[in-house]
Structures are given as structure tokens and as C-alpha cells.
């Protein structure tokens, strides 16, 4: 799994809102968030960055770690 750095806001109800992330030498600002779900891998959040690309960010709360998966036709990075 490829770890990434994420700046996120956690509200009083525990909802996570990613704001920025750093991956492969680039810094990406999250323009919007979409679908969310939880499974054994963690909390998955689809995010869109300014150029329209969509990524799947995964937060493992027990470890406090984030990972990334690119959505669409590109190869996924987990």
C-alpha cells in the first residue's frame, strides 16, 4: 500500500473531509468529495481535484494512515 499525506477536517460527528493531499511529488487541493463507504480496508472517500481527476482516498482510523487509489482508466495505486 502506498501511503500519502492528507490534510483533513474531522467534525464533531466524526465525518472526515479531505482538504489537500500530497502524492508522487505533487500537492493536490480537493475541490469536492463524493461517495463514501466503509469496509475492512477503512473509510473510502472519492475526491475530485481541480483538473477534474478523481481519486479514492482510504483512511485507516486504527492506524491513522491514508492511502490512495486513482479512479478511472489509470492503474490503481493502493
PDB file of N, CA and C in Angstrom:
ATOM      1  N   UNK A   1       0.842  -1.187   0.000  1.00  0.00           N
ATOM      2  CA  UNK A   1       0.000   0.000   0.000  1.00  0.00           C
ATOM      3  C   UNK A   1       0.882   1.244   0.000  1.00  0.00           C
ATOM      4  N   UNK A   2       0.552   2.199  -0.817  1.00  0.00           N
ATOM      5  CA  UNK A   2       1.340   3.426  -0.904  1.00  0.00           C
ATOM      6  C   UNK A   2       0.760   4.489   0.012  1.00  0.00           C
ATOM      7  N   UNK A   3       1.503   4.853   1.062  1.00  0.00           N
ATOM      8  CA  UNK A   3       0.987   5.892   1.968  1.00  0.00           C
ATOM      9  C   UNK A   3       1.072   7.267   1.326  1.00  0.00           C
ATOM     10  N   UNK A   4       0.156   8.145   1.735  1.00  0.00           N
ATOM     11  CA  UNK A   4       0.165   9.541   1.296  1.00  0.00           C
ATOM     12  C   UNK A   4      -0.092  10.416   2.511  1.00  0.00           C
ATOM     13  N   UNK A   5       0.194  11.695   2.352  1.00  0.00           N
ATOM     14  CA  UNK A   5      -0.109  12.672   3.394  1.00  0.00           C
ATOM     15  C   UNK A   5      -1.384  13.400   3.022  1.00  0.00           C
ATOM     16  N   UNK A   6      -2.300  13.517   3.985  1.00  0.00           N
ATOM     17  CA  UNK A   6      -3.580  14.174   3.748  1.00  0.00           C
ATOM     18  C   UNK A   6      -3.834  15.177   4.862  1.00  0.00           C
ATOM     19  N   UNK A   7      -4.291  16.365   4.491  1.00  0.00           N
ATOM     20  CA  UNK A   7      -4.810  17.330   5.449  1.00  0.00           C
ATOM     21  C   UNK A   7      -6.321  17.201   5.388  1.00  0.00           C
ATOM     22  N   UNK A   8      -6.928  16.917   6.536  1.00  0.00           N
ATOM     23  CA  UNK A   8      -8.367  16.683   6.552  1.00  0.00           C
ATOM     24  C   UNK A   8      -8.988  17.337   7.781  1.00  0.00           C
ATOM     25  N   UNK A   9     -10.275  17.592   7.668  1.00  0.00           N
ATOM     26  CA  UNK A   9     -11.051  18.131   8.792  1.00  0.00           C
ATOM     27  C   UNK A   9     -11.937  16.998   9.314  1.00  0.00           C
ATOM     28  N   UNK A  10     -11.979  16.864  10.629  1.00  0.00           N
ATOM     29  CA  UNK A  10     -12.844  15.896  11.295  1.00  0.00           C
ATOM     30  C   UNK A  10     -13.851  16.690  12.110  1.00  0.00           C
ATOM     31  N   UNK A  11     -15.140  16.547  11.811  1.00  0.00           N
ATOM     32  CA  UNK A  11     -16.131  17.316  12.561  1.00  0.00           C
ATOM     33  C   UNK A  11     -16.559  16.571  13.821  1.00  0.00           C
ATOM     34  N   UNK A  12     -17.452  17.185  14.594  1.00  0.00           N
ATOM     35  CA  UNK A  12     -17.877  16.628  15.878  1.00  0.00           C
ATOM     36  C   UNK A  12     -18.562  15.272  15.746  1.00  0.00           C
ATOM     37  N   UNK A  13     -19.173  14.995  14.589  1.00  0.00           N
ATOM     38  CA  UNK A  13     -19.840  13.711  14.365  1.00  0.00           C
ATOM     39  C   UNK A  13     -18.876  12.659  13.822  1.00  0.00           C
ATOM     40  N   UNK A  14     -17.630  13.037  13.598  1.00  0.00           N
ATOM     41  CA  UNK A  14     -16.637  12.108  13.088  1.00  0.00           C
ATOM     42  C   UNK A  14     -16.550  12.056  11.571  1.00  0.00           C
ATOM     43  N   UNK A  15     -17.253  12.949  10.878  1.00  0.00           N
ATOM     44  CA  UNK A  15     -17.192  12.986   9.418  1.00  0.00           C
ATOM     45  C   UNK A  15     -15.842  13.558   8.988  1.00  0.00           C
ATOM     46  N   UNK A  16     -15.196  12.858   8.057  1.00  0.00           N
ATOM     47  CA  UNK A  16     -13.881  13.253   7.561  1.00  0.00           C
ATOM     48  C   UNK A  16     -14.055  14.005   6.245  1.00  0.00           C
ATOM     49  N   UNK A  17     -13.407  15.178   6.143  1.00  0.00           N
ATOM     50  CA  UNK A  17     -13.413  15.939   4.899  1.00  0.00           C
ATOM     51  C   UNK A  17     -11.973  16.208   4.482  1.00  0.00           C
ATOM     52  N   UNK A  18     -11.457  15.466   3.484  1.00  0.00           N
ATOM     53  CA  UNK A  18     -10.100  15.739   2.995  1.00  0.00           C
ATOM     54  C   UNK A  18     -10.042  17.123   2.346  1.00  0.00           C
ATOM     55  N   UNK A  19      -8.973  17.868   2.619  1.00  0.00           N
ATOM     56  CA  UNK A  19      -8.794  19.210   2.070  1.00  0.00           C
ATOM     57  C   UNK A  19      -7.672  19.264   1.040  1.00  0.00           C
ATOM     58  N   UNK A  20      -6.562  18.601   1.321  1.00  0.00           N
ATOM     59  CA  UNK A  20      -5.385  18.558   0.447  1.00  0.00           C
ATOM     60  C   UNK A  20      -4.721  17.201   0.613  1.00  0.00           C
ATOM     61  N   UNK A  21      -3.978  16.782  -0.417  1.00  0.00           N
ATOM     62  CA  UNK A  21      -3.137  15.599  -0.253  1.00  0.00           C
ATOM     63  C   UNK A  21      -1.878  15.749  -1.094  1.00  0.00           C
ATOM     64  N   UNK A  22      -0.829  15.057  -0.670  1.00  0.00           N
ATOM     65  CA  UNK A  22       0.457  15.057  -1.347  1.00  0.00           C
ATOM     66  C   UNK A  22       0.709  13.646  -1.857  1.00  0.00           C
ATOM     67  N   UNK A  23       1.043  13.552  -3.165  1.00  0.00           N
ATOM     68  CA  UNK A  23       1.253  12.240  -3.779  1.00  0.00           C
ATOM     69  C   UNK A  23       2.168  12.383  -4.979  1.00  0.00           C
ATOM     70  N   UNK A  24       3.168  11.520  -5.073  1.00  0.00           N
ATOM     71  CA  UNK A  24       4.120  11.498  -6.195  1.00  0.00           C
ATOM     72  C   UNK A  24       4.720  12.870  -6.469  1.00  0.00           C
ATOM     73  N   UNK A  25       5.094  13.567  -5.407  1.00  0.00           N
ATOM     74  CA  UNK A  25       5.759  14.856  -5.544  1.00  0.00           C
ATOM     75  C   UNK A  25       4.849  16.031  -5.824  1.00  0.00           C
ATOM     76  N   UNK A  26       3.553  15.794  -5.935  1.00  0.00           N
ATOM     77  CA  UNK A  26       2.621  16.891  -6.197  1.00  0.00           C
ATOM     78  C   UNK A  26       1.690  17.119  -5.025  1.00  0.00           C
ATOM     79  N   UNK A  27       1.227  18.338  -4.909  1.00  0.00           N
ATOM     80  CA  UNK A  27       0.248  18.692  -3.876  1.00  0.00           C
ATOM     81  C   UNK A  27      -1.075  18.968  -4.575  1.00  0.00           C
ATOM     82  N   UNK A  28      -2.137  18.350  -4.099  1.00  0.00           N
ATOM     83  CA  UNK A  28      -3.449  18.447  -4.729  1.00  0.00           C
ATOM     84  C   UNK A  28      -4.469  18.998  -3.757  1.00  0.00           C
ATOM     85  N   UNK A  29      -5.197  20.007  -4.200  1.00  0.00           N
ATOM     86  CA  UNK A  29      -6.288  20.557  -3.404  1.00  0.00           C
ATOM     87  C   UNK A  29      -7.571  19.825  -3.786  1.00  0.00           C
ATOM     88  N   UNK A  30      -8.304  19.381  -2.791  1.00  0.00           N
ATOM     89  CA  UNK A  30      -9.567  18.681  -3.031  1.00  0.00           C
ATOM     90  C   UNK A  30     -10.640  19.722  -3.324  1.00  0.00           C
ATOM     91  N   UNK A  31     -11.231  19.640  -4.512  1.00  0.00           N
ATOM     92  CA  UNK A  31     -12.291  20.559  -4.906  1.00  0.00           C
ATOM     93  C   UNK A  31     -13.654  20.106  -4.386  1.00  0.00           C
ATOM     94  N   UNK A  32     -13.880  18.791  -4.392  1.00  0.00           N
ATOM     95  CA  UNK A  32     -15.157  18.269  -3.903  1.00  0.00           C
ATOM     96  C   UNK A  32     -15.001  16.815  -3.494  1.00  0.00           C
ATOM     97  N   UNK A  33     -15.908  16.372  -2.646  1.00  0.00           N
ATOM     98  CA  UNK A  33     -15.934  14.973  -2.233  1.00  0.00           C
ATOM     99  C   UNK A  33     -17.230  14.352  -2.725  1.00  0.00           C
ATOM    100  N   UNK A  34     -17.166  13.053  -2.923  1.00  0.00           N
ATOM    101  CA  UNK A  34     -18.338  12.332  -3.411  1.00  0.00           C
ATOM    102  C   UNK A  34     -18.679  11.162  -2.520  1.00  0.00           C
ATOM    103  N   UNK A  35     -18.910  10.043  -3.146  1.00  0.00           N
ATOM    104  CA  UNK A  35     -19.341   8.843  -2.443  1.00  0.00           C
ATOM    105  C   UNK A  35     -18.356   8.443  -1.347  1.00  0.00           C
ATOM    106  N   UNK A  36     -18.917   7.912  -0.255  1.00  0.00           N
ATOM    107  CA  UNK A  36     -18.133   7.427   0.885  1.00  0.00           C
ATOM    108  C   UNK A  36     -18.657   6.061   1.274  1.00  0.00           C
ATOM    109  N   UNK A  37     -17.755   5.205   1.713  1.00  0.00           N
ATOM    110  CA  UNK A  37     -18.173   3.906   2.248  1.00  0.00           C
ATOM    111  C   UNK A  37     -17.078   3.372   3.154  1.00  0.00           C
ATOM    112  N   UNK A  38     -17.453   2.416   3.967  1.00  0.00           N
ATOM    113  CA  UNK A  38     -16.509   1.786   4.880  1.00  0.00           C
ATOM    114  C   UNK A  38     -16.500   0.292   4.641  1.00  0.00           C
ATOM    115  N   UNK A  39     -15.308  -0.289   4.749  1.00  0.00           N
ATOM    116  CA  UNK A  39     -15.159  -1.736   4.706  1.00  0.00           C
ATOM    117  C   UNK A  39     -13.949  -2.097   5.556  1.00  0.00           C
ATOM    118  N   UNK A  40     -13.482  -3.337   5.436  1.00  0.00           N
ATOM    119  CA  UNK A  40     -12.370  -3.778   6.277  1.00  0.00           C
ATOM    120  C   UNK A  40     -11.077  -3.018   5.987  1.00  0.00           C
ATOM    121  N   UNK A  41     -10.957  -2.403   4.816  1.00  0.00           N
ATOM    122  CA  UNK A  41      -9.760  -1.629   4.474  1.00  0.00           C
ATOM    123  C   UNK A  41      -9.756  -0.247   5.112  1.00  0.00           C
ATOM    124  N   UNK A  42     -10.942   0.283   5.458  1.00  0.00           N
ATOM    125  CA  UNK A  42     -11.022   1.603   6.061  1.00  0.00           C
ATOM    126  C   UNK A  42     -12.178   2.409   5.510  1.00  0.00           C
ATOM    127  N   UNK A  43     -12.073   3.723   5.676  1.00  0.00           N
ATOM    128  CA  UNK A  43     -13.078   4.652   5.154  1.00  0.00           C
ATOM    129  C   UNK A  43     -12.607   5.139   3.794  1.00  0.00           C
ATOM    130  N   UNK A  44     -13.415   4.895   2.770  1.00  0.00           N
ATOM    131  CA  UNK A  44     -13.102   5.276   1.399  1.00  0.00           C
ATOM    132  C   UNK A  44     -13.863   6.558   1.068  1.00  0.00           C
ATOM    133  N   UNK A  45     -13.160   7.520   0.446  1.00  0.00           N
ATOM    134  CA  UNK A  45     -13.785   8.781   0.060  1.00  0.00           C
ATOM    135  C   UNK A  45     -13.331   9.120  -1.351  1.00  0.00           C
ATOM    136  N   UNK A  46     -14.286   9.297  -2.260  1.00  0.00           N
ATOM    137  CA  UNK A  46     -13.945   9.751  -3.606  1.00  0.00           C
ATOM    138  C   UNK A  46     -13.799  11.261  -3.578  1.00  0.00           C
ATOM    139  N   UNK A  47     -12.693  11.756  -4.156  1.00  0.00           N
ATOM    140  CA  UNK A  47     -12.431  13.192  -4.192  1.00  0.00           C
ATOM    141  C   UNK A  47     -12.105  13.616  -5.622  1.00  0.00           C
ATOM    142  N   UNK A  48     -12.449  14.862  -5.945  1.00  0.00           N
ATOM    143  CA  UNK A  48     -12.101  15.441  -7.237  1.00  0.00           C
ATOM    144  C   UNK A  48     -11.133  16.589  -7.009  1.00  0.00           C
ATOM    145  N   UNK A  49     -10.070  16.633  -7.837  1.00  0.00           N
ATOM    146  CA  UNK A  49      -9.108  17.728  -7.762  1.00  0.00           C
ATOM    147  C   UNK A  49      -9.409  18.727  -8.873  1.00  0.00           C
ATOM    148  N   UNK A  50      -8.673  19.833  -8.903  1.00  0.00           N
ATOM    149  CA  UNK A  50      -9.009  20.961  -9.770  1.00  0.00           C
ATOM    150  C   UNK A  50      -9.041  20.634 -11.260  1.00  0.00           C
ATOM    151  N   UNK A  51      -8.261  19.662 -11.714  1.00  0.00           N
ATOM    152  CA  UNK A  51      -8.269  19.343 -13.149  1.00  0.00           C
ATOM    153  C   UNK A  51      -9.312  18.290 -13.508  1.00  0.00           C
ATOM    154  N   UNK A  52     -10.173  17.958 -12.569  1.00  0.00           N
ATOM    155  CA  UNK A  52     -11.259  17.023 -12.828  1.00  0.00           C
ATOM    156  C   UNK A  52     -10.934  15.568 -12.571  1.00  0.00           C
ATOM    157  N   UNK A  53      -9.696  15.272 -12.224  1.00  0.00           N
ATOM    158  CA  UNK A  53      -9.350  13.880 -11.924  1.00  0.00           C
ATOM    159  C   UNK A  53      -9.975  13.463 -10.601  1.00  0.00           C
ATOM    160  N   UNK A  54     -10.345  12.183 -10.548  1.00  0.00           N
ATOM    161  CA  UNK A  54     -10.981  11.637  -9.354  1.00  0.00           C
ATOM    162  C   UNK A  54     -10.060  10.596  -8.740  1.00  0.00           C
ATOM    163  N   UNK A  55      -9.931  10.667  -7.420  1.00  0.00           N
ATOM    164  CA  UNK A  55      -9.113   9.728  -6.663  1.00  0.00           C
ATOM    165  C   UNK A  55      -9.946   9.129  -5.542  1.00  0.00           C
ATOM    166  N   UNK A  56      -9.544   7.955  -5.129  1.00  0.00           N
ATOM    167  CA  UNK A  56     -10.157   7.308  -3.972  1.00  0.00           C
ATOM    168  C   UNK A  56      -9.140   7.361  -2.845  1.00  0.00           C
ATOM    169  N   UNK A  57      -9.464   8.097  -1.791  1.00  0.00           N
ATOM    170  CA  UNK A  57      -8.611   8.161  -0.615  1.00  0.00           C
ATOM    171  C   UNK A  57      -9.162   7.187   0.414  1.00  0.00           C
ATOM    172  N   UNK A  58      -8.267   6.481   1.082  1.00  0.00           N
ATOM    173  CA  UNK A  58      -8.673   5.478   2.066  1.00  0.00           C
ATOM    174  C   UNK A  58      -8.000   5.805   3.387  1.00  0.00           C
ATOM    175  N   UNK A  59      -8.807   5.960   4.436  1.00  0.00           N
ATOM    176  CA  UNK A  59      -8.294   6.281   5.769  1.00  0.00           C
ATOM    177  C   UNK A  59      -8.475   5.070   6.673  1.00  0.00           C
ATOM    178  N   UNK A  60      -7.373   4.623   7.257  1.00  0.00           N
ATOM    179  CA  UNK A  60      -7.398   3.529   8.237  1.00  0.00           C
ATOM    180  C   UNK A  60      -7.318   4.167   9.617  1.00  0.00           C
ATOM    181  N   UNK A  61      -8.473   4.301  10.256  1.00  0.00           N
ATOM    182  CA  UNK A  61      -8.528   5.049  11.519  1.00  0.00           C
ATOM    183  C   UNK A  61      -7.715   4.399  12.625  1.00  0.00           C
ATOM    184  N   UNK A  62      -7.662   3.089  12.673  1.00  0.00           N
ATOM    185  CA  UNK A  62      -6.899   2.406  13.716  1.00  0.00           C
ATOM    186  C   UNK A  62      -5.416   2.689  13.646  1.00  0.00           C
ATOM    187  N   UNK A  63      -4.928   2.992  12.438  1.00  0.00           N
ATOM    188  CA  UNK A  63      -3.513   3.276  12.218  1.00  0.00           C
ATOM    189  C   UNK A  63      -3.252   4.760  11.998  1.00  0.00           C
ATOM    190  N   UNK A  64      -4.320   5.528  11.737  1.00  0.00           N
ATOM    191  CA  UNK A  64      -4.161   6.938  11.420  1.00  0.00           C
ATOM    192  C   UNK A  64      -3.430   7.156  10.111  1.00  0.00           C
ATOM    193  N   UNK A  65      -3.588   6.218   9.153  1.00  0.00           N
ATOM    194  CA  UNK A  65      -2.861   6.276   7.887  1.00  0.00           C
ATOM    195  C   UNK A  65      -3.818   6.430   6.713  1.00  0.00           C
ATOM    196  N   UNK A  66      -3.322   7.113   5.683  1.00  0.00           N
ATOM    197  CA  UNK A  66      -4.057   7.310   4.434  1.00  0.00           C
ATOM    198  C   UNK A  66      -3.349   6.586   3.303  1.00  0.00           C
ATOM    199  N   UNK A  67      -4.122   6.128   2.319  1.00  0.00           N
ATOM    200  CA  UNK A  67      -3.568   5.610   1.075  1.00  0.00           C
ATOM    201  C   UNK A  67      -4.440   6.128  -0.066  1.00  0.00           C
ATOM    202  N   UNK A  68      -4.013   5.866  -1.294  1.00  0.00           N
ATOM    203  CA  UNK A  68      -4.709   6.431  -2.452  1.00  0.00           C
ATOM    204  C   UNK A  68      -4.902   5.382  -3.531  1.00  0.00           C
ATOM    205  N   UNK A  69      -5.979   5.554  -4.262  1.00  0.00           N
ATOM    206  CA  UNK A  69      -6.248   4.756  -5.456  1.00  0.00           C
ATOM    207  C   UNK A  69      -6.799   5.711  -6.501  1.00  0.00           C
ATOM    208  N   UNK A  70      -6.208   5.720  -7.683  1.00  0.00           N
ATOM    209  CA  UNK A  70      -6.687   6.574  -8.776  1.00  0.00           C
ATOM    210  C   UNK A  70      -7.904   5.921  -9.391  1.00  0.00           C
ATOM    211  N   UNK A  71      -8.968   6.657  -9.576  1.00  0.00           N
ATOM    212  CA  UNK A  71     -10.167   6.134 -10.213  1.00  0.00           C
ATOM    213  C   UNK A  71     -10.078   6.319 -11.714  1.00  0.00           C
ATOM    214  N   UNK A  72     -10.879   5.610 -12.451  1.00  0.00           N
ATOM    215  CA  UNK A  72     -10.914   5.753 -13.895  1.00  0.00           C
ATOM    216  C   UNK A  72     -10.023   4.747 -14.587  1.00  0.00           C
ATOM    217  N   UNK A  73      -9.516   5.119 -15.758  1.00  0.00           N
ATOM    218  CA  UNK A  73      -8.786   4.172 -16.595  1.00  0.00           C
ATOM    219  C   UNK A  73      -7.337   3.970 -16.186  1.00  0.00           C
ATOM    220  N   UNK A  74      -6.788   4.845 -15.375  1.00  0.00           N
ATOM    221  CA  UNK A  74      -5.394   4.675 -14.951  1.00  0.00           C
ATOM    222  C   UNK A  74      -5.267   3.511 -13.987  1.00  0.00           C
ATOM    223  N   UNK A  75      -4.071   2.999 -13.878  1.00  0.00           N
ATOM    224  CA  UNK A  75      -3.825   1.892 -12.966  1.00  0.00           C
ATOM    225  C   UNK A  75      -3.979   2.379 -11.530  1.00  0.00           C
ATOM    226  N   UNK A  76      -4.606   1.563 -10.716  1.00  0.00           N
ATOM    227  CA  UNK A  76      -4.830   1.920  -9.312  1.00  0.00           C
ATOM    228  C   UNK A  76      -3.541   1.818  -8.524  1.00  0.00           C
ATOM    229  N   UNK A  77      -3.396   2.705  -7.565  1.00  0.00           N
ATOM    230  CA  UNK A  77      -2.286   2.656  -6.631  1.00  0.00           C
ATOM    231  C   UNK A  77      -2.881   2.487  -5.250  1.00  0.00           C
ATOM    232  N   UNK A  78      -2.524   1.414  -4.586  1.00  0.00           N
ATOM    233  CA  UNK A  78      -3.096   1.151  -3.261  1.00  0.00           C
ATOM    234  C   UNK A  78      -1.980   0.992  -2.267  1.00  0.00           C
TER     235      UNK A  78
END
